[in-house]
């Protein structure tokens, strides 16, 4: 099975997250795609967001586990099948955007801004929303003494 590093972008505006209905997969998912050669996962996330929606974002400050060396906005890592594209080794980022005005690139058929994912979204998307909301409430780990 083909394997590729990829990213998902939870574009956030005023507490809501952008999800797209992916044309090929027929699922409600965050914007995303594969990491290109000589590109970091964060660079790929910002590029994919711009290419697929026209939005320019800023990575959320910090990361939930406060792991030194992690890029800002890194929420999670997960693996999932991506149809005919094989297994995606996926870095999930939270990126803040100033507007909800999106311009589609043809890879999705509709979009929405959600505080909670639609029931039709796959389980990993539901879990990403849970992680995001937990991060927004405060640190995952107890503060150092």
N, C-alpha and C. Protein backbone atom coordinates (compact mmCIF):
# COMPACT_ATOMS: atom_id res chain seq x y z
N UNK A 1 0.85 -1.18 0.00
CA UNK A 1 0.00 0.00 0.00
C UNK A 1 0.89 1.25 0.00
N UNK A 2 0.54 2.20 -0.81
CA UNK A 2 1.25 3.48 -0.87
C UNK A 2 1.09 4.21 0.46
N UNK A 3 2.17 4.87 0.90
CA UNK A 3 2.14 5.69 2.12
C UNK A 3 2.66 7.08 1.79
N UNK A 4 2.03 8.10 2.36
CA UNK A 4 2.44 9.47 2.11
C UNK A 4 2.21 10.31 3.35
N UNK A 5 3.16 11.21 3.63
CA UNK A 5 2.94 12.18 4.68
C UNK A 5 1.92 13.19 4.18
N UNK A 6 1.01 13.59 5.07
CA UNK A 6 -0.07 14.49 4.69
C UNK A 6 -0.40 15.40 5.86
N UNK A 7 -1.27 16.37 5.59
CA UNK A 7 -1.70 17.31 6.62
C UNK A 7 -3.21 17.49 6.55
N UNK A 8 -3.78 17.83 7.68
CA UNK A 8 -5.17 18.29 7.76
C UNK A 8 -5.13 19.63 8.47
N UNK A 9 -5.97 20.56 8.02
CA UNK A 9 -5.96 21.92 8.55
C UNK A 9 -7.32 22.23 9.15
N UNK A 10 -7.36 22.38 10.46
CA UNK A 10 -8.58 22.83 11.12
C UNK A 10 -8.53 24.35 11.12
N UNK A 11 -9.04 24.95 10.04
CA UNK A 11 -9.07 26.41 9.92
C UNK A 11 -10.16 26.92 10.85
N UNK A 12 -9.77 27.80 11.76
CA UNK A 12 -10.67 28.25 12.83
C UNK A 12 -10.94 29.74 12.70
N UNK A 13 -12.23 30.09 12.85
CA UNK A 13 -12.65 31.49 12.83
C UNK A 13 -13.77 31.66 13.84
N UNK A 14 -13.55 32.49 14.83
CA UNK A 14 -14.56 32.78 15.86
C UNK A 14 -15.14 31.50 16.47
N UNK A 15 -14.28 30.53 16.73
CA UNK A 15 -14.70 29.30 17.39
C UNK A 15 -15.24 28.21 16.49
N UNK A 16 -15.46 28.51 15.21
CA UNK A 16 -15.97 27.51 14.28
C UNK A 16 -14.83 27.03 13.38
N UNK A 17 -14.94 25.79 12.93
CA UNK A 17 -13.90 25.15 12.11
C UNK A 17 -14.47 24.86 10.73
N UNK A 18 -13.68 25.15 9.71
CA UNK A 18 -14.07 24.89 8.33
C UNK A 18 -13.94 23.40 8.01
N UNK A 19 -15.02 22.82 7.50
CA UNK A 19 -14.99 21.47 6.93
C UNK A 19 -15.48 21.56 5.50
N UNK A 20 -14.92 20.70 4.66
CA UNK A 20 -15.33 20.63 3.26
C UNK A 20 -15.92 19.26 2.99
N UNK A 21 -16.82 19.20 2.02
CA UNK A 21 -17.32 17.90 1.57
C UNK A 21 -16.45 17.51 0.38
N UNK A 22 -15.51 16.61 0.63
CA UNK A 22 -14.49 16.23 -0.35
C UNK A 22 -15.14 15.51 -1.52
N UNK A 23 -14.87 15.98 -2.73
CA UNK A 23 -15.51 15.44 -3.93
C UNK A 23 -15.16 13.97 -4.17
N UNK A 24 -13.89 13.60 -4.06
CA UNK A 24 -13.47 12.22 -4.34
C UNK A 24 -13.87 11.27 -3.22
N UNK A 25 -13.65 11.70 -1.97
CA UNK A 25 -13.91 10.82 -0.83
C UNK A 25 -15.38 10.80 -0.40
N UNK A 26 -16.14 11.84 -0.79
CA UNK A 26 -17.54 11.97 -0.38
C UNK A 26 -17.69 11.94 1.15
N UNK A 27 -16.81 12.71 1.82
CA UNK A 27 -16.80 12.81 3.28
C UNK A 27 -16.63 14.27 3.69
N UNK A 28 -17.12 14.60 4.89
CA UNK A 28 -16.86 15.90 5.50
C UNK A 28 -15.54 15.81 6.24
N UNK A 29 -14.55 16.57 5.77
CA UNK A 29 -13.20 16.52 6.33
C UNK A 29 -12.61 17.94 6.36
N UNK A 30 -11.53 18.12 7.13
CA UNK A 30 -10.80 19.39 7.06
C UNK A 30 -10.07 19.50 5.72
N UNK A 31 -9.69 20.70 5.37
CA UNK A 31 -8.83 20.93 4.21
C UNK A 31 -7.53 20.18 4.45
N UNK A 32 -6.90 19.70 3.39
CA UNK A 32 -5.62 19.03 3.58
C UNK A 32 -5.06 18.46 2.30
N UNK A 33 -3.95 17.79 2.44
CA UNK A 33 -3.30 17.18 1.30
C UNK A 33 -1.93 16.65 1.67
N UNK A 34 -1.19 16.25 0.66
CA UNK A 34 0.10 15.63 0.89
C UNK A 34 1.22 16.66 1.02
N UNK A 35 2.21 16.30 1.84
CA UNK A 35 3.40 17.13 2.02
C UNK A 35 4.29 16.93 0.80
N UNK A 36 4.74 18.02 0.22
CA UNK A 36 5.61 17.96 -0.96
C UNK A 36 7.08 17.86 -0.54
N UNK A 37 7.94 17.47 -1.47
CA UNK A 37 9.38 17.36 -1.21
C UNK A 37 9.92 18.69 -0.70
N UNK A 38 10.81 18.62 0.28
CA UNK A 38 11.48 19.78 0.87
C UNK A 38 10.51 20.76 1.53
N UNK A 39 9.38 20.26 2.01
CA UNK A 39 8.37 21.08 2.66
C UNK A 39 8.11 20.51 4.05
N UNK A 40 8.01 21.36 5.06
CA UNK A 40 7.66 20.88 6.38
C UNK A 40 6.15 20.64 6.43
N UNK A 41 5.68 19.85 7.38
CA UNK A 41 4.23 19.67 7.50
C UNK A 41 3.49 21.00 7.71
N UNK A 42 4.04 21.92 8.50
CA UNK A 42 3.36 23.20 8.70
C UNK A 42 3.31 24.01 7.40
N UNK A 43 4.40 24.02 6.65
CA UNK A 43 4.39 24.70 5.35
C UNK A 43 3.33 24.09 4.43
N UNK A 44 3.23 22.77 4.44
CA UNK A 44 2.23 22.09 3.62
C UNK A 44 0.82 22.47 4.06
N UNK A 45 0.60 22.56 5.37
CA UNK A 45 -0.73 22.93 5.88
C UNK A 45 -1.14 24.32 5.40
N UNK A 46 -0.24 25.27 5.51
CA UNK A 46 -0.55 26.64 5.08
C UNK A 46 -0.75 26.71 3.57
N UNK A 47 0.06 25.97 2.82
CA UNK A 47 -0.08 25.94 1.35
C UNK A 47 -1.41 25.32 0.96
N UNK A 48 -1.75 24.16 1.53
CA UNK A 48 -3.01 23.48 1.19
C UNK A 48 -4.21 24.36 1.52
N UNK A 49 -4.17 25.04 2.66
CA UNK A 49 -5.26 25.94 3.03
C UNK A 49 -5.45 27.01 1.96
N UNK A 50 -4.37 27.63 1.53
CA UNK A 50 -4.44 28.69 0.52
C UNK A 50 -4.92 28.13 -0.82
N UNK A 51 -4.36 26.99 -1.25
CA UNK A 51 -4.72 26.41 -2.55
C UNK A 51 -6.19 25.99 -2.61
N UNK A 52 -6.68 25.36 -1.55
CA UNK A 52 -8.02 24.78 -1.59
C UNK A 52 -9.13 25.76 -1.24
N UNK A 53 -8.79 26.87 -0.53
CA UNK A 53 -9.84 27.77 -0.06
C UNK A 53 -9.56 29.24 -0.32
N UNK A 54 -8.33 29.59 -0.65
CA UNK A 54 -7.95 30.99 -0.79
C UNK A 54 -7.67 31.67 0.54
N UNK A 55 -7.84 30.95 1.65
CA UNK A 55 -7.63 31.53 2.97
C UNK A 55 -6.14 31.55 3.33
N UNK A 56 -5.75 32.60 4.02
CA UNK A 56 -4.40 32.71 4.58
C UNK A 56 -4.55 32.61 6.08
N UNK A 57 -3.78 31.71 6.69
CA UNK A 57 -3.93 31.48 8.12
C UNK A 57 -2.65 31.66 8.90
N UNK A 58 -2.83 31.73 10.21
CA UNK A 58 -1.73 31.80 11.16
C UNK A 58 -1.85 30.61 12.09
N UNK A 59 -0.79 29.82 12.25
CA UNK A 59 -0.88 28.67 13.16
C UNK A 59 -1.25 29.12 14.57
N UNK A 60 -2.12 28.36 15.20
CA UNK A 60 -2.46 28.64 16.60
C UNK A 60 -1.19 28.57 17.43
N UNK A 61 -1.07 29.45 18.41
CA UNK A 61 0.14 29.50 19.23
C UNK A 61 0.26 28.26 20.10
N UNK A 62 1.45 27.66 20.11
CA UNK A 62 1.73 26.51 20.94
C UNK A 62 1.20 25.22 20.34
N UNK A 63 1.26 24.16 21.15
CA UNK A 63 0.68 22.87 20.78
C UNK A 63 0.18 22.22 22.06
N UNK A 64 -0.82 21.36 21.97
CA UNK A 64 -1.50 20.88 23.17
C UNK A 64 -0.60 20.24 24.22
N UNK A 65 0.37 19.47 23.81
CA UNK A 65 1.21 18.77 24.78
C UNK A 65 2.45 19.56 25.16
N UNK A 66 2.63 20.73 24.58
CA UNK A 66 3.78 21.60 24.88
C UNK A 66 5.09 20.85 24.72
N UNK A 67 5.20 20.06 23.67
CA UNK A 67 6.42 19.31 23.40
C UNK A 67 7.42 20.25 22.71
N UNK A 68 8.60 20.44 23.31
CA UNK A 68 9.59 21.32 22.68
C UNK A 68 9.93 20.83 21.27
N UNK A 69 10.04 21.78 20.35
CA UNK A 69 10.39 21.45 18.98
C UNK A 69 9.21 21.23 18.06
N UNK A 70 8.01 21.09 18.61
CA UNK A 70 6.83 20.93 17.75
C UNK A 70 6.44 22.29 17.18
N UNK A 71 6.01 22.31 15.93
CA UNK A 71 5.58 23.59 15.37
C UNK A 71 4.29 24.06 16.01
N UNK A 72 4.09 25.38 16.01
CA UNK A 72 2.84 25.95 16.50
C UNK A 72 1.66 25.33 15.76
N UNK A 73 0.57 25.14 16.47
CA UNK A 73 -0.66 24.65 15.87
C UNK A 73 -0.77 23.15 15.72
N UNK A 74 0.30 22.40 15.98
CA UNK A 74 0.22 20.94 15.82
C UNK A 74 -0.71 20.36 16.88
N UNK A 75 -1.81 19.79 16.43
CA UNK A 75 -2.82 19.25 17.34
C UNK A 75 -2.65 17.75 17.54
N UNK A 76 -2.34 17.02 16.46
CA UNK A 76 -2.31 15.56 16.56
C UNK A 76 -1.57 14.96 15.38
N UNK A 77 -1.32 13.68 15.50
CA UNK A 77 -0.81 12.86 14.40
C UNK A 77 -1.72 11.66 14.33
N UNK A 78 -2.15 11.29 13.12
CA UNK A 78 -3.00 10.11 12.96
C UNK A 78 -2.76 9.52 11.58
N UNK A 79 -3.11 8.27 11.43
CA UNK A 79 -2.99 7.58 10.15
C UNK A 79 -4.37 7.13 9.70
N UNK A 80 -4.64 7.31 8.40
CA UNK A 80 -5.93 6.87 7.86
C UNK A 80 -5.79 6.56 6.39
N UNK A 81 -6.68 5.71 5.91
CA UNK A 81 -6.66 5.42 4.48
C UNK A 81 -7.31 6.59 3.74
N UNK A 82 -6.79 6.85 2.56
CA UNK A 82 -7.27 7.97 1.75
C UNK A 82 -7.71 7.44 0.39
N UNK A 83 -8.55 6.43 0.42
CA UNK A 83 -9.05 5.86 -0.83
C UNK A 83 -7.92 5.33 -1.68
N UNK A 84 -7.93 5.67 -2.95
CA UNK A 84 -6.93 5.16 -3.89
C UNK A 84 -5.53 5.72 -3.63
N UNK A 85 -5.42 6.74 -2.78
CA UNK A 85 -4.11 7.34 -2.49
C UNK A 85 -3.35 6.60 -1.40
N UNK A 86 -3.93 5.54 -0.85
CA UNK A 86 -3.22 4.72 0.12
C UNK A 86 -3.36 5.22 1.54
N UNK A 87 -2.30 5.01 2.32
CA UNK A 87 -2.29 5.38 3.73
C UNK A 87 -1.69 6.77 3.90
N UNK A 88 -2.42 7.65 4.56
CA UNK A 88 -1.91 8.98 4.86
C UNK A 88 -1.39 9.00 6.30
N UNK A 89 -0.15 9.42 6.45
CA UNK A 89 0.50 9.62 7.74
C UNK A 89 0.32 11.12 8.02
N UNK A 90 -0.68 11.44 8.81
CA UNK A 90 -1.28 12.77 8.81
C UNK A 90 -0.93 13.60 10.04
N UNK A 91 -0.41 14.82 9.78
CA UNK A 91 -0.18 15.82 10.81
C UNK A 91 -1.38 16.78 10.79
N UNK A 92 -2.00 16.97 11.95
CA UNK A 92 -3.21 17.79 12.06
C UNK A 92 -2.87 19.12 12.73
N UNK A 93 -3.19 20.22 12.03
CA UNK A 93 -2.86 21.56 12.51
C UNK A 93 -4.12 22.40 12.73
N UNK A 94 -4.03 23.29 13.72
CA UNK A 94 -5.05 24.31 13.95
C UNK A 94 -4.46 25.63 13.44
N UNK A 95 -5.21 26.27 12.53
CA UNK A 95 -4.77 27.51 11.91
C UNK A 95 -5.91 28.52 12.02
N UNK A 96 -5.60 29.70 12.52
CA UNK A 96 -6.62 30.74 12.66
C UNK A 96 -6.68 31.58 11.38
N UNK A 97 -7.90 31.89 10.95
CA UNK A 97 -8.13 32.70 9.75
C UNK A 97 -9.01 33.89 10.12
N UNK A 98 -8.84 34.98 9.39
CA UNK A 98 -9.56 36.22 9.69
C UNK A 98 -10.93 36.33 9.02
N UNK A 99 -11.23 35.45 8.08
CA UNK A 99 -12.48 35.56 7.33
C UNK A 99 -13.05 34.16 7.08
N UNK A 100 -14.33 34.13 6.77
CA UNK A 100 -14.98 32.88 6.37
C UNK A 100 -15.27 32.85 4.87
N UNK A 101 -14.70 33.79 4.15
CA UNK A 101 -14.91 33.88 2.70
C UNK A 101 -13.94 32.92 2.01
N UNK A 102 -14.47 31.81 1.51
CA UNK A 102 -13.63 30.81 0.87
C UNK A 102 -13.91 30.75 -0.64
N UNK A 103 -12.88 30.35 -1.37
CA UNK A 103 -12.97 30.16 -2.82
C UNK A 103 -12.51 28.74 -3.10
N UNK A 104 -13.40 27.92 -3.63
CA UNK A 104 -13.09 26.51 -3.87
C UNK A 104 -12.16 26.31 -5.05
N UNK A 105 -11.42 25.19 -4.97
CA UNK A 105 -10.49 24.83 -6.05
C UNK A 105 -10.99 23.64 -6.87
N UNK A 106 -12.21 23.18 -6.60
CA UNK A 106 -12.76 22.04 -7.32
C UNK A 106 -12.59 20.70 -6.62
N UNK A 107 -11.81 20.66 -5.52
CA UNK A 107 -11.60 19.40 -4.80
C UNK A 107 -12.73 19.10 -3.83
N UNK A 108 -13.61 20.08 -3.61
CA UNK A 108 -14.74 19.88 -2.71
C UNK A 108 -15.99 20.50 -3.32
N UNK A 109 -17.14 19.98 -2.86
CA UNK A 109 -18.42 20.39 -3.45
C UNK A 109 -19.18 21.39 -2.60
N UNK A 110 -19.00 21.35 -1.28
CA UNK A 110 -19.64 22.30 -0.39
C UNK A 110 -18.79 22.43 0.87
N UNK A 111 -19.09 23.45 1.66
CA UNK A 111 -18.32 23.66 2.88
C UNK A 111 -19.24 24.23 3.95
N UNK A 112 -18.73 24.21 5.18
CA UNK A 112 -19.46 24.79 6.29
C UNK A 112 -18.51 25.07 7.43
N UNK A 113 -18.94 25.98 8.30
CA UNK A 113 -18.19 26.32 9.51
C UNK A 113 -18.90 25.68 10.68
N UNK A 114 -18.19 24.83 11.44
CA UNK A 114 -18.82 23.99 12.46
C UNK A 114 -18.18 24.18 13.83
N UNK A 115 -19.05 24.22 14.83
CA UNK A 115 -18.57 24.17 16.22
C UNK A 115 -18.43 22.72 16.66
N UNK A 116 -19.23 21.86 16.07
CA UNK A 116 -19.15 20.41 16.26
C UNK A 116 -19.25 19.78 14.88
N UNK A 117 -18.55 18.68 14.62
CA UNK A 117 -18.60 18.11 13.28
C UNK A 117 -19.96 17.49 12.97
N UNK A 118 -20.33 17.47 11.70
CA UNK A 118 -21.59 16.80 11.34
C UNK A 118 -21.49 15.29 11.62
N UNK A 119 -22.62 14.69 11.88
CA UNK A 119 -22.65 13.24 12.17
C UNK A 119 -21.97 12.43 11.07
N UNK A 120 -22.07 12.92 9.83
CA UNK A 120 -21.53 12.19 8.68
C UNK A 120 -20.00 12.21 8.59
N UNK A 121 -19.36 13.06 9.39
CA UNK A 121 -17.90 13.14 9.35
C UNK A 121 -17.30 11.84 9.89
N UNK A 122 -16.14 11.42 9.37
CA UNK A 122 -15.52 10.19 9.85
C UNK A 122 -15.06 10.31 11.31
N UNK A 123 -14.83 9.17 11.97
CA UNK A 123 -14.47 9.18 13.40
C UNK A 123 -13.23 10.01 13.72
N UNK A 124 -12.23 10.01 12.84
CA UNK A 124 -11.03 10.79 13.15
C UNK A 124 -11.34 12.29 13.21
N UNK A 125 -12.28 12.77 12.42
CA UNK A 125 -12.64 14.19 12.44
C UNK A 125 -13.35 14.51 13.76
N UNK A 126 -14.23 13.61 14.21
CA UNK A 126 -14.88 13.81 15.50
C UNK A 126 -13.84 13.88 16.61
N UNK A 127 -12.85 13.02 16.56
CA UNK A 127 -11.80 13.01 17.60
C UNK A 127 -10.96 14.28 17.54
N UNK A 128 -10.66 14.78 16.34
CA UNK A 128 -9.89 16.02 16.23
C UNK A 128 -10.65 17.19 16.86
N UNK A 129 -11.96 17.24 16.67
CA UNK A 129 -12.76 18.29 17.31
C UNK A 129 -12.69 18.15 18.83
N UNK A 130 -12.75 16.92 19.35
CA UNK A 130 -12.65 16.72 20.80
C UNK A 130 -11.31 17.22 21.31
N UNK A 131 -10.22 16.89 20.60
CA UNK A 131 -8.89 17.34 21.01
C UNK A 131 -8.78 18.86 20.95
N UNK A 132 -9.32 19.46 19.90
CA UNK A 132 -9.28 20.91 19.77
C UNK A 132 -10.01 21.58 20.93
N UNK A 133 -11.20 21.11 21.25
CA UNK A 133 -11.98 21.71 22.33
C UNK A 133 -11.28 21.53 23.67
N UNK A 134 -10.64 20.38 23.89
CA UNK A 134 -9.88 20.17 25.13
C UNK A 134 -8.70 21.13 25.20
N UNK A 135 -8.01 21.34 24.08
CA UNK A 135 -6.89 22.28 24.04
C UNK A 135 -7.37 23.70 24.33
N UNK A 136 -8.52 24.07 23.77
CA UNK A 136 -9.05 25.41 24.00
C UNK A 136 -9.43 25.65 25.46
N UNK A 137 -9.79 24.58 26.16
CA UNK A 137 -10.15 24.71 27.58
C UNK A 137 -8.94 24.91 28.48
N UNK A 138 -7.79 24.45 28.03
CA UNK A 138 -6.58 24.61 28.84
C UNK A 138 -5.58 23.51 28.57
N UNK A 139 -4.43 23.56 29.23
CA UNK A 139 -3.37 22.57 28.97
C UNK A 139 -3.84 21.13 29.19
N UNK A 140 -3.31 20.23 28.35
CA UNK A 140 -3.61 18.81 28.52
C UNK A 140 -2.90 18.24 29.74
N UNK A 141 -1.72 18.75 29.99
CA UNK A 141 -0.88 18.21 31.06
C UNK A 141 -0.89 19.14 32.27
N UNK A 142 -0.72 18.58 33.48
CA UNK A 142 -0.65 19.46 34.65
C UNK A 142 0.58 20.36 34.55
N UNK A 143 0.47 21.56 35.11
CA UNK A 143 1.60 22.48 35.11
C UNK A 143 2.73 21.91 35.97
N UNK A 144 3.95 22.25 35.58
CA UNK A 144 5.12 21.80 36.36
C UNK A 144 5.12 22.50 37.71
N UNK A 145 5.55 21.75 38.72
CA UNK A 145 5.61 22.31 40.08
C UNK A 145 6.80 23.23 40.23
